[in-house]
């Protein structure tokens, strides 16, 4: 994991917060299953990929393969300062998601490492979990979202599931 940490820190000219480093070094992502996004802008079940260094350190690659044609127009260091790509959102049944246009983002300028869904329509951030610990525990966003020009409404519900539910409209 040190190679991923080194690559992220070099690409985004920052030092990862201790909590994010712990998440990567301890491979805490191995205990996570499918992310079932509910009651928010983007919904569905996704297999997060937290270690795809070739993507997480290359916004152009994310754009090419995840349907974000204008991602190279973004001055990430200016428009999303303090945020970095955190995980790709892949299909659990290996369908092509090149039109998804979204990925997870972590706020590295906050020691708690809040997690957001970044989406191509308006280059928006949608608050998911107010800390990395809450994200792992499946706890929705609490409190006020950070002040940002591209901040959308927080998710009201998401969960970690072992398999894709038959009907996303049923409550857990």
Protein backbone atom coordinates (compact mmCIF):
# COMPACT_ATOMS: atom_id res chain seq x y z
CA UNK A 1 0.00 0.00 0.00
CA UNK A 2 2.94 2.33 0.42
CA UNK A 3 3.22 2.63 -3.38
CA UNK A 4 -0.41 3.79 -3.58
CA UNK A 5 0.07 6.23 -0.72
CA UNK A 6 3.25 7.61 -2.28
CA UNK A 7 1.54 7.96 -5.68
CA UNK A 8 -1.51 9.74 -4.22
CA UNK A 9 0.62 12.12 -2.19
CA UNK A 10 2.80 12.92 -5.20
CA UNK A 11 -0.11 13.41 -7.63
CA UNK A 12 -2.14 15.65 -5.32
CA UNK A 13 0.83 17.37 -3.62
CA UNK A 14 -0.39 16.58 -0.15
CA UNK A 15 0.20 14.31 2.81
CA UNK A 16 -2.65 11.88 3.44
CA UNK A 17 -4.35 12.34 6.79
CA UNK A 18 -3.43 9.64 9.33
CA UNK A 19 -6.93 8.10 9.22
CA UNK A 20 -6.79 7.63 5.43
CA UNK A 21 -3.26 6.20 5.65
CA UNK A 22 -4.50 3.74 8.30
CA UNK A 23 -7.39 2.73 6.03
CA UNK A 24 -4.98 1.92 3.20
CA UNK A 25 -2.12 0.45 5.21
CA UNK A 26 -4.48 -1.75 7.24
CA UNK A 27 -6.36 -2.74 4.08
CA UNK A 28 -9.62 -1.93 5.88
CA UNK A 29 -11.36 -1.85 2.50
CA UNK A 30 -11.07 -5.67 2.37
CA UNK A 31 -13.87 -5.91 4.97
CA UNK A 32 -16.23 -3.81 2.84
CA UNK A 33 -18.61 -5.43 0.41
CA UNK A 34 -20.99 -3.80 -2.08
CA UNK A 35 -21.90 -0.16 -1.59
CA UNK A 36 -25.66 0.25 -1.98
CA UNK A 37 -26.29 3.94 -2.62
CA UNK A 38 -29.87 4.85 -1.76
CA UNK A 39 -31.80 8.07 -1.42
CA UNK A 40 -29.29 10.37 -3.07
CA UNK A 41 -28.36 11.66 -6.51
CA UNK A 42 -26.77 8.44 -7.81
CA UNK A 43 -28.38 5.18 -6.69
CA UNK A 44 -27.57 1.50 -7.15
CA UNK A 45 -25.09 -1.14 -6.00
CA UNK A 46 -21.41 -0.70 -6.71
CA UNK A 47 -18.16 -2.47 -5.98
CA UNK A 48 -15.79 0.26 -4.78
CA UNK A 49 -12.20 -0.06 -5.92
CA UNK A 50 -9.97 1.75 -3.41
CA UNK A 51 -6.61 0.65 -4.81
CA UNK A 52 -6.71 1.34 -8.56
CA UNK A 53 -3.60 3.51 -8.53
CA UNK A 54 -3.61 3.99 -12.32
CA UNK A 55 -7.02 5.64 -12.05
CA UNK A 56 -6.91 7.30 -8.63
CA UNK A 57 -3.81 9.23 -9.65
CA UNK A 58 -4.97 10.02 -13.19
CA UNK A 59 -8.20 11.95 -13.66
CA UNK A 60 -7.88 11.58 -17.44
CA UNK A 61 -8.01 7.79 -17.11
CA UNK A 62 -11.12 8.04 -14.92
CA UNK A 63 -12.68 10.33 -17.51
CA UNK A 64 -11.84 8.03 -20.41
CA UNK A 65 -13.21 4.87 -18.83
CA UNK A 66 -16.06 6.23 -16.68
CA UNK A 67 -17.75 8.56 -19.14
CA UNK A 68 -16.53 11.95 -17.94
CA UNK A 69 -15.62 13.62 -21.22
CA UNK A 70 -14.85 17.03 -19.75
CA UNK A 71 -12.79 15.93 -16.74
CA UNK A 72 -9.64 17.39 -18.31
CA UNK A 73 -11.32 20.81 -18.19
CA UNK A 74 -11.28 20.68 -14.39
CA UNK A 75 -8.48 22.45 -12.57
CA UNK A 76 -8.74 19.93 -9.73
CA UNK A 77 -6.16 21.68 -7.53
CA UNK A 78 -8.24 24.85 -7.66
CA UNK A 79 -11.85 23.66 -7.95
CA UNK A 80 -11.53 20.65 -5.63
CA UNK A 81 -8.65 21.67 -3.40
CA UNK A 82 -8.48 19.41 -0.36
CA UNK A 83 -10.36 16.57 -2.08
CA UNK A 84 -9.01 13.55 -3.95
CA UNK A 85 -10.43 10.52 -5.74
CA UNK A 86 -11.04 7.79 -3.15
CA UNK A 87 -12.60 4.86 -5.02
CA UNK A 88 -13.94 3.89 -8.41
CA UNK A 89 -17.51 2.63 -8.53
CA UNK A 90 -17.60 -0.58 -10.54
CA UNK A 91 -20.53 -2.83 -11.36
CA UNK A 92 -20.74 -5.93 -9.15
CA UNK A 93 -21.82 -8.00 -12.14
CA UNK A 94 -19.02 -6.76 -14.40
CA UNK A 95 -21.22 -4.72 -16.71
CA UNK A 96 -19.59 -1.81 -18.53
CA UNK A 97 -20.11 1.34 -16.48
CA UNK A 98 -18.36 3.73 -18.83
CA UNK A 99 -21.40 6.04 -18.69
CA UNK A 100 -21.61 6.16 -14.89
CA UNK A 101 -19.64 9.39 -14.63
CA UNK A 102 -19.11 9.15 -10.88
CA UNK A 103 -16.58 8.06 -8.28
CA UNK A 104 -16.00 8.45 -4.55
CA UNK A 105 -13.97 11.34 -3.21
CA UNK A 106 -12.36 11.82 0.20
CA UNK A 107 -11.75 15.23 1.77
CA UNK A 108 -8.09 15.07 2.74
CA UNK A 109 -8.10 18.60 4.17
CA UNK A 110 -10.25 17.28 7.04
CA UNK A 111 -8.64 14.85 9.52
CA UNK A 112 -11.90 12.85 9.74
CA UNK A 113 -11.75 12.19 5.98
CA UNK A 114 -15.38 12.78 4.97
CA UNK A 115 -16.52 10.81 1.91
CA UNK A 116 -18.50 12.18 -1.05
CA UNK A 117 -19.87 10.95 -4.34
CA UNK A 118 -18.43 13.05 -7.19
CA UNK A 119 -20.70 13.19 -10.22
CA UNK A 120 -20.08 14.59 -13.70
CA UNK A 121 -23.35 16.57 -14.03
CA UNK A 122 -22.20 19.96 -12.77
CA UNK A 123 -19.05 18.42 -11.30
CA UNK A 124 -20.95 18.00 -8.06
CA UNK A 125 -19.96 16.61 -4.66
CA UNK A 126 -22.71 14.77 -2.79
CA UNK A 127 -21.95 14.21 0.91
CA UNK A 128 -22.11 10.53 1.83
CA UNK A 129 -20.42 10.11 5.23
CA UNK A 130 -19.05 12.82 7.53
CA UNK A 131 -15.98 10.70 8.37
CA UNK A 132 -14.14 7.67 7.07
CA UNK A 133 -15.24 5.79 10.19
CA UNK A 134 -18.88 6.65 9.47
CA UNK A 135 -18.42 5.55 5.86
CA UNK A 136 -17.13 2.14 6.95
CA UNK A 137 -20.00 1.84 9.46
CA UNK A 138 -22.62 2.82 6.83
CA UNK A 139 -23.68 5.94 8.74
CA UNK A 140 -25.15 8.74 6.65
CA UNK A 141 -23.84 12.29 6.63
CA UNK A 142 -24.30 14.21 9.88
CA UNK A 143 -24.05 17.94 10.33
CA UNK A 144 -23.48 20.67 7.78
CA UNK A 145 -21.71 19.93 4.53
CA UNK A 146 -18.53 21.87 3.83
CA UNK A 147 -18.90 25.14 2.00
CA UNK A 148 -18.15 24.48 -1.65
CA UNK A 149 -19.57 25.90 -4.89
CA UNK A 150 -20.26 22.39 -6.20
CA UNK A 151 -21.88 20.86 -3.10
CA UNK A 152 -25.10 18.91 -3.58
CA UNK A 153 -27.52 17.49 -1.05
CA UNK A 154 -26.28 14.75 1.31
CA UNK A 155 -27.32 11.15 0.90
CA UNK A 156 -30.08 10.18 3.30
CA UNK A 157 -29.37 6.46 3.07
CA UNK A 158 -26.73 3.98 1.96
CA UNK A 159 -25.56 0.59 3.19
CA UNK A 160 -22.96 -2.10 2.78
CA UNK A 161 -24.57 -5.28 1.39
CA UNK A 162 -23.25 -8.72 0.49
CA UNK A 163 -25.31 -9.04 -2.68
CA UNK A 164 -27.32 -6.85 -5.02
CA UNK A 165 -30.86 -6.54 -3.63
CA UNK A 166 -33.68 -7.84 -5.83
CA UNK A 167 -35.61 -4.60 -5.47
CA UNK A 168 -33.84 -1.34 -4.60
CA UNK A 169 -37.20 0.20 -3.62
CA UNK A 170 -37.62 -2.01 -0.53
CA UNK A 171 -36.40 -0.63 2.78
CA UNK A 172 -33.67 -2.53 4.58
